[in-house]
mmCIF file of all heavy atoms, coordinates in Angstrom:
data_MODEL
# 
_entry.id   MODEL 
# 
loop_
_atom_site.group_PDB 
_atom_site.id 
_atom_site.type_symbol 
_atom_site.label_atom_id 
_atom_site.label_alt_id 
_atom_site.label_comp_id 
_atom_site.label_asym_id 
_atom_site.label_entity_id 
_atom_site.label_seq_id 
_atom_site.pdbx_PDB_ins_code 
_atom_site.Cartn_x 
_atom_site.Cartn_y 
_atom_site.Cartn_z 
_atom_site.occupancy 
_atom_site.B_iso_or_equiv 
_atom_site.pdbx_formal_charge 
_atom_site.auth_seq_id 
_atom_site.auth_comp_id 
_atom_site.auth_asym_id 
_atom_site.auth_atom_id 
_atom_site.pdbx_PDB_model_num 
ATOM 1   N N   . TYR A 1 1  ? 42.493 63.230 167.952 1.00 0.00 ? 1  TYR A N   1 
ATOM 2   C CA  . TYR A 1 1  ? 41.629 63.683 169.037 1.00 0.00 ? 1  TYR A CA  1 
ATOM 3   C C   . TYR A 1 1  ? 42.255 63.322 170.383 1.00 0.00 ? 1  TYR A C   1 
ATOM 4   O O   . TYR A 1 1  ? 41.580 62.884 171.306 1.00 0.00 ? 1  TYR A O   1 
ATOM 5   C CB  . TYR A 1 1  ? 40.229 63.089 168.889 1.00 0.00 ? 1  TYR A CB  1 
ATOM 6   C CG  . TYR A 1 1  ? 39.493 63.606 167.674 1.00 0.00 ? 1  TYR A CG  1 
ATOM 7   C CD1 . TYR A 1 1  ? 38.939 62.734 166.757 1.00 0.00 ? 1  TYR A CD1 1 
ATOM 8   C CD2 . TYR A 1 1  ? 39.378 64.974 167.455 1.00 0.00 ? 1  TYR A CD2 1 
ATOM 9   C CE1 . TYR A 1 1  ? 38.270 63.212 165.634 1.00 0.00 ? 1  TYR A CE1 1 
ATOM 10  C CE2 . TYR A 1 1  ? 38.714 65.464 166.336 1.00 0.00 ? 1  TYR A CE2 1 
ATOM 11  C CZ  . TYR A 1 1  ? 38.163 64.578 165.433 1.00 0.00 ? 1  TYR A CZ  1 
ATOM 12  O OH  . TYR A 1 1  ? 37.505 65.055 164.324 1.00 0.00 ? 1  TYR A OH  1 
ATOM 13  N N   . GLU A 1 2  ? 43.540 63.495 170.448 1.00 0.00 ? 2  GLU A N   1 
ATOM 14  C CA  . GLU A 1 2  ? 44.274 63.272 171.692 1.00 0.00 ? 2  GLU A CA  1 
ATOM 15  C C   . GLU A 1 2  ? 44.025 64.440 172.642 1.00 0.00 ? 2  GLU A C   1 
ATOM 16  O O   . GLU A 1 2  ? 43.975 65.599 172.233 1.00 0.00 ? 2  GLU A O   1 
ATOM 17  C CB  . GLU A 1 2  ? 45.767 63.161 171.387 1.00 0.00 ? 2  GLU A CB  1 
ATOM 18  C CG  . GLU A 1 2  ? 46.618 62.862 172.600 1.00 0.00 ? 2  GLU A CG  1 
ATOM 19  C CD  . GLU A 1 2  ? 48.100 62.782 172.230 1.00 0.00 ? 2  GLU A CD  1 
ATOM 20  O OE1 . GLU A 1 2  ? 48.520 63.560 171.340 1.00 0.00 ? 2  GLU A OE1 1 
ATOM 21  O OE2 . GLU A 1 2  ? 48.808 61.947 172.807 1.00 0.00 ? 2  GLU A OE2 1 
ATOM 22  N N   . VAL A 1 3  ? 43.862 64.109 173.924 1.00 0.00 ? 3  VAL A N   1 
ATOM 23  C CA  . VAL A 1 3  ? 43.695 65.141 174.958 1.00 0.00 ? 3  VAL A CA  1 
ATOM 24  C C   . VAL A 1 3  ? 44.940 65.110 175.837 1.00 0.00 ? 3  VAL A C   1 
ATOM 25  O O   . VAL A 1 3  ? 45.072 64.249 176.723 1.00 0.00 ? 3  VAL A O   1 
ATOM 26  C CB  . VAL A 1 3  ? 42.429 64.887 175.811 1.00 0.00 ? 3  VAL A CB  1 
ATOM 27  C CG1 . VAL A 1 3  ? 42.245 66.024 176.819 1.00 0.00 ? 3  VAL A CG1 1 
ATOM 28  C CG2 . VAL A 1 3  ? 41.194 64.759 174.929 1.00 0.00 ? 3  VAL A CG2 1 
ATOM 29  N N   . PRO A 1 4  ? 45.878 66.006 175.592 1.00 0.00 ? 4  PRO A N   1 
ATOM 30  C CA  . PRO A 1 4  ? 47.152 65.977 176.329 1.00 0.00 ? 4  PRO A CA  1 
ATOM 31  C C   . PRO A 1 4  ? 46.966 66.072 177.837 1.00 0.00 ? 4  PRO A C   1 
ATOM 32  O O   . PRO A 1 4  ? 46.124 66.824 178.336 1.00 0.00 ? 4  PRO A O   1 
ATOM 33  C CB  . PRO A 1 4  ? 47.887 67.212 175.789 1.00 0.00 ? 4  PRO A CB  1 
ATOM 34  C CG  . PRO A 1 4  ? 47.287 67.443 174.435 1.00 0.00 ? 4  PRO A CG  1 
ATOM 35  C CD  . PRO A 1 4  ? 45.846 67.068 174.581 1.00 0.00 ? 4  PRO A CD  1 
ATOM 36  N N   . GLY A 1 5  ? 47.762 65.281 178.546 1.00 0.00 ? 5  GLY A N   1 
ATOM 37  C CA  . GLY A 1 5  ? 47.775 65.353 180.000 1.00 0.00 ? 5  GLY A CA  1 
ATOM 38  C C   . GLY A 1 5  ? 46.655 64.615 180.695 1.00 0.00 ? 5  GLY A C   1 
ATOM 39  O O   . GLY A 1 5  ? 46.576 64.644 181.935 1.00 0.00 ? 5  GLY A O   1 
ATOM 40  N N   . GLN A 1 6  ? 45.783 63.948 179.932 1.00 0.00 ? 6  GLN A N   1 
ATOM 41  C CA  . GLN A 1 6  ? 44.671 63.243 180.548 1.00 0.00 ? 6  GLN A CA  1 
ATOM 42  C C   . GLN A 1 6  ? 44.860 61.732 180.432 1.00 0.00 ? 6  GLN A C   1 
ATOM 43  O O   . GLN A 1 6  ? 45.977 61.257 180.311 1.00 0.00 ? 6  GLN A O   1 
ATOM 44  C CB  . GLN A 1 6  ? 43.358 63.736 179.958 1.00 0.00 ? 6  GLN A CB  1 
ATOM 45  C CG  . GLN A 1 6  ? 43.063 65.202 180.239 1.00 0.00 ? 6  GLN A CG  1 
ATOM 46  C CD  . GLN A 1 6  ? 43.067 65.529 181.728 1.00 0.00 ? 6  GLN A CD  1 
ATOM 47  O OE1 . GLN A 1 6  ? 42.309 64.952 182.495 1.00 0.00 ? 6  GLN A OE1 1 
ATOM 48  N NE2 . GLN A 1 6  ? 43.941 66.453 182.135 1.00 0.00 ? 6  GLN A NE2 1 
ATOM 49  N N   . TRP A 1 7  ? 43.789 60.946 180.420 1.00 0.00 ? 7  TRP A N   1 
ATOM 50  C CA  . TRP A 1 7  ? 43.884 59.519 180.692 1.00 0.00 ? 7  TRP A CA  1 
ATOM 51  C C   . TRP A 1 7  ? 43.538 58.619 179.516 1.00 0.00 ? 7  TRP A C   1 
ATOM 52  O O   . TRP A 1 7  ? 43.222 57.444 179.717 1.00 0.00 ? 7  TRP A O   1 
ATOM 53  C CB  . TRP A 1 7  ? 42.998 59.185 181.891 1.00 0.00 ? 7  TRP A CB  1 
ATOM 54  C CG  . TRP A 1 7  ? 43.536 59.729 183.169 1.00 0.00 ? 7  TRP A CG  1 
ATOM 55  C CD1 . TRP A 1 7  ? 43.411 61.008 183.630 1.00 0.00 ? 7  TRP A CD1 1 
ATOM 56  C CD2 . TRP A 1 7  ? 44.312 59.030 184.136 1.00 0.00 ? 7  TRP A CD2 1 
ATOM 57  N NE1 . TRP A 1 7  ? 44.056 61.156 184.832 1.00 0.00 ? 7  TRP A NE1 1 
ATOM 58  C CE2 . TRP A 1 7  ? 44.611 59.953 185.172 1.00 0.00 ? 7  TRP A CE2 1 
ATOM 59  C CE3 . TRP A 1 7  ? 44.776 57.716 184.242 1.00 0.00 ? 7  TRP A CE3 1 
ATOM 60  C CZ2 . TRP A 1 7  ? 45.370 59.599 186.293 1.00 0.00 ? 7  TRP A CZ2 1 
ATOM 61  C CZ3 . TRP A 1 7  ? 45.515 57.354 185.358 1.00 0.00 ? 7  TRP A CZ3 1 
ATOM 62  C CH2 . TRP A 1 7  ? 45.805 58.291 186.372 1.00 0.00 ? 7  TRP A CH2 1 
ATOM 63  N N   . GLN A 1 8  ? 43.598 59.105 178.300 1.00 0.00 ? 8  GLN A N   1 
ATOM 64  C CA  . GLN A 1 8  ? 43.308 58.243 177.157 1.00 0.00 ? 8  GLN A CA  1 
ATOM 65  C C   . GLN A 1 8  ? 44.272 57.053 177.133 1.00 0.00 ? 8  GLN A C   1 
ATOM 66  O O   . GLN A 1 8  ? 45.476 57.216 177.234 1.00 0.00 ? 8  GLN A O   1 
ATOM 67  C CB  . GLN A 1 8  ? 43.405 59.032 175.850 1.00 0.00 ? 8  GLN A CB  1 
ATOM 68  C CG  . GLN A 1 8  ? 42.229 59.975 175.642 1.00 0.00 ? 8  GLN A CG  1 
ATOM 69  C CD  . GLN A 1 8  ? 42.463 60.934 174.500 1.00 0.00 ? 8  GLN A CD  1 
ATOM 70  O OE1 . GLN A 1 8  ? 43.591 61.352 174.254 1.00 0.00 ? 8  GLN A OE1 1 
ATOM 71  N NE2 . GLN A 1 8  ? 41.401 61.310 173.805 1.00 0.00 ? 8  GLN A NE2 1 
ATOM 72  N N   . GLY A 1 9  ? 43.712 55.852 177.005 1.00 0.00 ? 9  GLY A N   1 
ATOM 73  C CA  . GLY A 1 9  ? 44.535 54.664 176.935 1.00 0.00 ? 9  GLY A CA  1 
ATOM 74  C C   . GLY A 1 9  ? 44.970 54.094 178.270 1.00 0.00 ? 9  GLY A C   1 
ATOM 75  O O   . GLY A 1 9  ? 45.644 53.064 178.325 1.00 0.00 ? 9  GLY A O   1 
ATOM 76  N N   . ARG A 1 10 ? 44.596 54.741 179.363 1.00 0.00 ? 10 ARG A N   1 
ATOM 77  C CA  . ARG A 1 10 ? 44.932 54.241 180.683 1.00 0.00 ? 10 ARG A CA  1 
ATOM 78  C C   . ARG A 1 10 ? 43.831 54.674 181.644 1.00 0.00 ? 10 ARG A C   1 
ATOM 79  O O   . ARG A 1 10 ? 43.027 55.565 181.314 1.00 0.00 ? 10 ARG A O   1 
ATOM 80  C CB  . ARG A 1 10 ? 46.297 54.757 181.154 1.00 0.00 ? 10 ARG A CB  1 
ATOM 81  C CG  . ARG A 1 10 ? 46.412 56.261 181.170 1.00 0.00 ? 10 ARG A CG  1 
ATOM 82  C CD  . ARG A 1 10 ? 47.846 56.751 181.217 1.00 0.00 ? 10 ARG A CD  1 
ATOM 83  N NE  . ARG A 1 10 ? 47.891 58.222 181.306 1.00 0.00 ? 10 ARG A NE  1 
ATOM 84  C CZ  . ARG A 1 10 ? 48.061 58.887 182.432 1.00 0.00 ? 10 ARG A CZ  1 
ATOM 85  N NH1 . ARG A 1 10 ? 48.225 58.219 183.581 1.00 0.00 ? 10 ARG A NH1 1 
ATOM 86  N NH2 . ARG A 1 10 ? 48.090 60.203 182.443 1.00 0.00 ? 10 ARG A NH2 1 
ATOM 87  N N   . THR A 1 11 ? 43.755 54.056 182.789 1.00 0.00 ? 11 THR A N   1 
ATOM 88  C CA  . THR A 1 11 ? 42.674 54.359 183.722 1.00 0.00 ? 11 THR A CA  1 
ATOM 89  C C   . THR A 1 11 ? 43.172 54.372 185.160 1.00 0.00 ? 11 THR A C   1 
ATOM 90  O O   . THR A 1 11 ? 44.238 53.848 185.474 1.00 0.00 ? 11 THR A O   1 
ATOM 91  C CB  . THR A 1 11 ? 41.541 53.314 183.622 1.00 0.00 ? 11 THR A CB  1 
ATOM 92  O OG1 . THR A 1 11 ? 42.072 52.014 183.921 1.00 0.00 ? 11 THR A OG1 1 
ATOM 93  C CG2 . THR A 1 11 ? 40.912 53.317 182.249 1.00 0.00 ? 11 THR A CG2 1 
ATOM 94  N N   . ARG A 1 12 ? 42.358 54.956 186.007 1.00 0.00 ? 12 ARG A N   1 
ATOM 95  C CA  . ARG A 1 12 ? 42.556 54.921 187.457 1.00 0.00 ? 12 ARG A CA  1 
ATOM 96  C C   . ARG A 1 12 ? 41.184 54.721 188.079 1.00 0.00 ? 12 ARG A C   1 
ATOM 97  O O   . ARG A 1 12 ? 40.288 55.529 187.876 1.00 0.00 ? 12 ARG A O   1 
ATOM 98  C CB  . ARG A 1 12 ? 43.173 56.235 187.947 1.00 0.00 ? 12 ARG A CB  1 
ATOM 99  C CG  . ARG A 1 12 ? 43.431 56.292 189.457 1.00 0.00 ? 12 ARG A CG  1 
ATOM 100 C CD  . ARG A 1 12 ? 43.899 57.677 189.866 1.00 0.00 ? 12 ARG A CD  1 
ATOM 101 N NE  . ARG A 1 12 ? 42.868 58.671 189.603 1.00 0.00 ? 12 ARG A NE  1 
ATOM 102 C CZ  . ARG A 1 12 ? 43.106 59.986 189.461 1.00 0.00 ? 12 ARG A CZ  1 
ATOM 103 N NH1 . ARG A 1 12 ? 44.346 60.449 189.520 1.00 0.00 ? 12 ARG A NH1 1 
ATOM 104 N NH2 . ARG A 1 12 ? 42.110 60.817 189.233 1.00 0.00 ? 12 ARG A NH2 1 
ATOM 105 N N   . ASP A 1 13 ? 41.013 53.618 188.803 1.00 0.00 ? 13 ASP A N   1 
ATOM 106 C CA  . ASP A 1 13 ? 39.713 53.302 189.408 1.00 0.00 ? 13 ASP A CA  1 
ATOM 107 C C   . ASP A 1 13 ? 38.623 53.229 188.322 1.00 0.00 ? 13 ASP A C   1 
ATOM 108 O O   . ASP A 1 13 ? 37.625 53.942 188.356 1.00 0.00 ? 13 ASP A O   1 
ATOM 109 C CB  . ASP A 1 13 ? 39.355 54.368 190.455 1.00 0.00 ? 13 ASP A CB  1 
ATOM 110 C CG  . ASP A 1 13 ? 38.139 53.988 191.288 1.00 0.00 ? 13 ASP A CG  1 
ATOM 111 O OD1 . ASP A 1 13 ? 37.854 52.784 191.394 1.00 0.00 ? 13 ASP A OD1 1 
ATOM 112 O OD2 . ASP A 1 13 ? 37.464 54.900 191.805 1.00 0.00 ? 13 ASP A OD2 1 
ATOM 113 N N   . LEU A 1 14 ? 38.809 52.333 187.359 1.00 0.00 ? 14 LEU A N   1 
ATOM 114 C CA  . LEU A 1 14 ? 37.911 52.200 186.215 1.00 0.00 ? 14 LEU A CA  1 
ATOM 115 C C   . LEU A 1 14 ? 36.476 51.935 186.661 1.00 0.00 ? 14 LEU A C   1 
ATOM 116 O O   . LEU A 1 14 ? 36.215 51.026 187.442 1.00 0.00 ? 14 LEU A O   1 
ATOM 117 C CB  . LEU A 1 14 ? 38.388 51.060 185.311 1.00 0.00 ? 14 LEU A CB  1 
ATOM 118 C CG  . LEU A 1 14 ? 37.561 50.780 184.054 1.00 0.00 ? 14 LEU A CG  1 
ATOM 119 C CD1 . LEU A 1 14 ? 37.583 51.986 183.111 1.00 0.00 ? 14 LEU A CD1 1 
ATOM 120 C CD2 . LEU A 1 14 ? 38.085 49.534 183.348 1.00 0.00 ? 14 LEU A CD2 1 
ATOM 121 N N   . ARG A 1 15 ? 35.535 52.718 186.122 1.00 0.00 ? 15 ARG A N   1 
ATOM 122 C CA  . ARG A 1 15 ? 34.125 52.562 186.453 1.00 0.00 ? 15 ARG A CA  1 
ATOM 123 C C   . ARG A 1 15 ? 33.230 52.400 185.223 1.00 0.00 ? 15 ARG A C   1 
ATOM 124 O O   . ARG A 1 15 ? 32.174 51.766 185.297 1.00 0.00 ? 15 ARG A O   1 
ATOM 125 C CB  . ARG A 1 15 ? 33.637 53.773 187.270 1.00 0.00 ? 15 ARG A CB  1 
ATOM 126 C CG  . ARG A 1 15 ? 34.145 53.791 188.697 1.00 0.00 ? 15 ARG A CG  1 
ATOM 127 C CD  . ARG A 1 15 ? 33.508 52.677 189.511 1.00 0.00 ? 15 ARG A CD  1 
ATOM 128 N NE  . ARG A 1 15 ? 33.936 52.671 190.916 1.00 0.00 ? 15 ARG A NE  1 
ATOM 129 C CZ  . ARG A 1 15 ? 34.930 51.958 191.392 1.00 0.00 ? 15 ARG A CZ  1 
ATOM 130 N NH1 . ARG A 1 15 ? 35.641 51.187 190.562 1.00 0.00 ? 15 ARG A NH1 1 
ATOM 131 N NH2 . ARG A 1 15 ? 35.247 51.979 192.663 1.00 0.00 ? 15 ARG A NH2 1 
ATOM 132 N N   . VAL A 1 16 ? 33.632 52.975 184.092 1.00 0.00 ? 16 VAL A N   1 
ATOM 133 C CA  . VAL A 1 16 ? 32.783 52.985 182.900 1.00 0.00 ? 16 VAL A CA  1 
ATOM 134 C C   . VAL A 1 16 ? 33.549 52.415 181.709 1.00 0.00 ? 16 VAL A C   1 
ATOM 135 O O   . VAL A 1 16 ? 34.679 52.814 181.442 1.00 0.00 ? 16 VAL A O   1 
ATOM 136 C CB  . VAL A 1 16 ? 32.316 54.419 182.550 1.00 0.00 ? 16 VAL A CB  1 
ATOM 137 C CG1 . VAL A 1 16 ? 31.412 54.402 181.312 1.00 0.00 ? 16 VAL A CG1 1 
ATOM 138 C CG2 . VAL A 1 16 ? 31.586 55.055 183.728 1.00 0.00 ? 16 VAL A CG2 1 
ATOM 139 N N   . VAL A 1 17 ? 32.916 51.482 180.988 1.00 0.00 ? 17 VAL A N   1 
ATOM 140 C CA  . VAL A 1 17 ? 33.474 50.941 179.750 1.00 0.00 ? 17 VAL A CA  1 
ATOM 141 C C   . VAL A 1 17 ? 32.398 51.058 178.682 1.00 0.00 ? 17 VAL A C   1 
ATOM 142 O O   . VAL A 1 17 ? 31.205 50.891 178.958 1.00 0.00 ? 17 VAL A O   1 
ATOM 143 C CB  . VAL A 1 17 ? 33.904 49.464 179.914 1.00 0.00 ? 17 VAL A CB  1 
ATOM 144 C CG1 . VAL A 1 17 ? 34.318 48.870 178.572 1.00 0.00 ? 17 VAL A CG1 1 
ATOM 145 C CG2 . VAL A 1 17 ? 35.047 49.354 180.918 1.00 0.00 ? 17 VAL A CG2 1 
ATOM 146 N N   . GLY A 1 18 ? 32.795 51.355 177.436 1.00 0.00 ? 18 GLY A N   1 
ATOM 147 C CA  . GLY A 1 18 ? 31.801 51.448 176.374 1.00 0.00 ? 18 GLY A CA  1 
ATOM 148 C C   . GLY A 1 18 ? 32.432 51.530 175.005 1.00 0.00 ? 18 GLY A C   1 
ATOM 149 O O   . GLY A 1 18 ? 33.642 51.437 174.833 1.00 0.00 ? 18 GLY A O   1 
ATOM 150 N N   . ASP A 1 19 ? 31.541 51.726 174.007 1.00 0.00 ? 19 ASP A N   1 
ATOM 151 C CA  . ASP A 1 19 ? 31.966 51.781 172.607 1.00 0.00 ? 19 ASP A CA  1 
ATOM 152 C C   . ASP A 1 19 ? 31.102 52.803 171.874 1.00 0.00 ? 19 ASP A C   1 
ATOM 153 O O   . ASP A 1 19 ? 29.888 52.885 172.096 1.00 0.00 ? 19 ASP A O   1 
ATOM 154 C CB  . ASP A 1 19 ? 31.817 50.402 171.961 1.00 0.00 ? 19 ASP A CB  1 
ATOM 155 C CG  . ASP A 1 19 ? 32.332 50.366 170.531 1.00 0.00 ? 19 ASP A CG  1 
ATOM 156 O OD1 . ASP A 1 19 ? 33.442 50.880 170.284 1.00 0.00 ? 19 ASP A OD1 1 
ATOM 157 O OD2 . ASP A 1 19 ? 31.626 49.833 169.658 1.00 0.00 ? 19 ASP A OD2 1 
ATOM 158 N N   . SER A 1 20 ? 31.722 53.580 170.977 1.00 0.00 ? 20 SER A N   1 
ATOM 159 C CA  . SER A 1 20 ? 31.012 54.659 170.287 1.00 0.00 ? 20 SER A CA  1 
ATOM 160 C C   . SER A 1 20 ? 30.701 54.334 168.831 1.00 0.00 ? 20 SER A C   1 
ATOM 161 O O   . SER A 1 20 ? 30.921 55.145 167.934 1.00 0.00 ? 20 SER A O   1 
ATOM 162 C CB  . SER A 1 20 ? 31.815 55.969 170.366 1.00 0.00 ? 20 SER A CB  1 
ATOM 163 O OG  . SER A 1 20 ? 33.092 55.822 169.769 1.00 0.00 ? 20 SER A OG  1 
ATOM 164 N N   . ASN A 1 21 ? 30.178 53.135 168.588 1.00 0.00 ? 21 ASN A N   1 
ATOM 165 C CA  . ASN A 1 21 ? 29.794 52.738 167.230 1.00 0.00 ? 21 ASN A CA  1 
ATOM 166 C C   . ASN A 1 21 ? 28.302 52.994 167.036 1.00 0.00 ? 21 ASN A C   1 
ATOM 167 O O   . ASN A 1 21 ? 27.486 52.067 166.977 1.00 0.00 ? 21 ASN A O   1 
ATOM 168 C CB  . ASN A 1 21 ? 30.117 51.258 167.012 1.00 0.00 ? 21 ASN A CB  1 
ATOM 169 C CG  . ASN A 1 21 ? 29.894 50.819 165.585 1.00 0.00 ? 21 ASN A CG  1 
ATOM 170 O OD1 . ASN A 1 21 ? 30.120 51.583 164.655 1.00 0.00 ? 21 ASN A OD1 1 
ATOM 171 N ND2 . ASN A 1 21 ? 29.439 49.592 165.396 1.00 0.00 ? 21 ASN A ND2 1 
ATOM 172 N N   . ALA A 1 22 ? 27.910 54.267 166.950 1.00 0.00 ? 22 ALA A N   1 
ATOM 173 C CA  . ALA A 1 22 ? 26.501 54.654 167.049 1.00 0.00 ? 22 ALA A CA  1 
ATOM 174 C C   . ALA A 1 22 ? 25.624 54.072 165.946 1.00 0.00 ? 22 ALA A C   1 
ATOM 175 O O   . ALA A 1 22 ? 24.607 53.415 166.210 1.00 0.00 ? 22 ALA A O   1 
ATOM 176 C CB  . ALA A 1 22 ? 26.391 56.174 167.062 1.00 0.00 ? 22 ALA A CB  1 
ATOM 177 N N   . GLY A 1 23 ? 25.985 54.326 164.681 1.00 0.00 ? 23 GLY A N   1 
ATOM 178 C CA  . GLY A 1 23 ? 25.164 53.846 163.581 1.00 0.00 ? 23 GLY A CA  1 
ATOM 179 C C   . GLY A 1 23 ? 25.077 52.331 163.547 1.00 0.00 ? 23 GLY A C   1 
ATOM 180 O O   . GLY A 1 23 ? 24.004 51.750 163.314 1.00 0.00 ? 23 GLY A O   1 
ATOM 181 N N   . GLY A 1 24 ? 26.199 51.670 163.796 1.00 0.00 ? 24 GLY A N   1 
ATOM 182 C CA  . GLY A 1 24 ? 26.215 50.215 163.814 1.00 0.00 ? 24 GLY A CA  1 
ATOM 183 C C   . GLY A 1 24 ? 25.355 49.646 164.929 1.00 0.00 ? 24 GLY A C   1 
ATOM 184 O O   . GLY A 1 24 ? 24.681 48.618 164.758 1.00 0.00 ? 24 GLY A O   1 
# 
């Protein structure tokens, strides 16, 4: 689920942090 050319794994002016462990 890589999105080429975007910011996965790196940030600029970080504002939001989270986790997608919905059921847990």
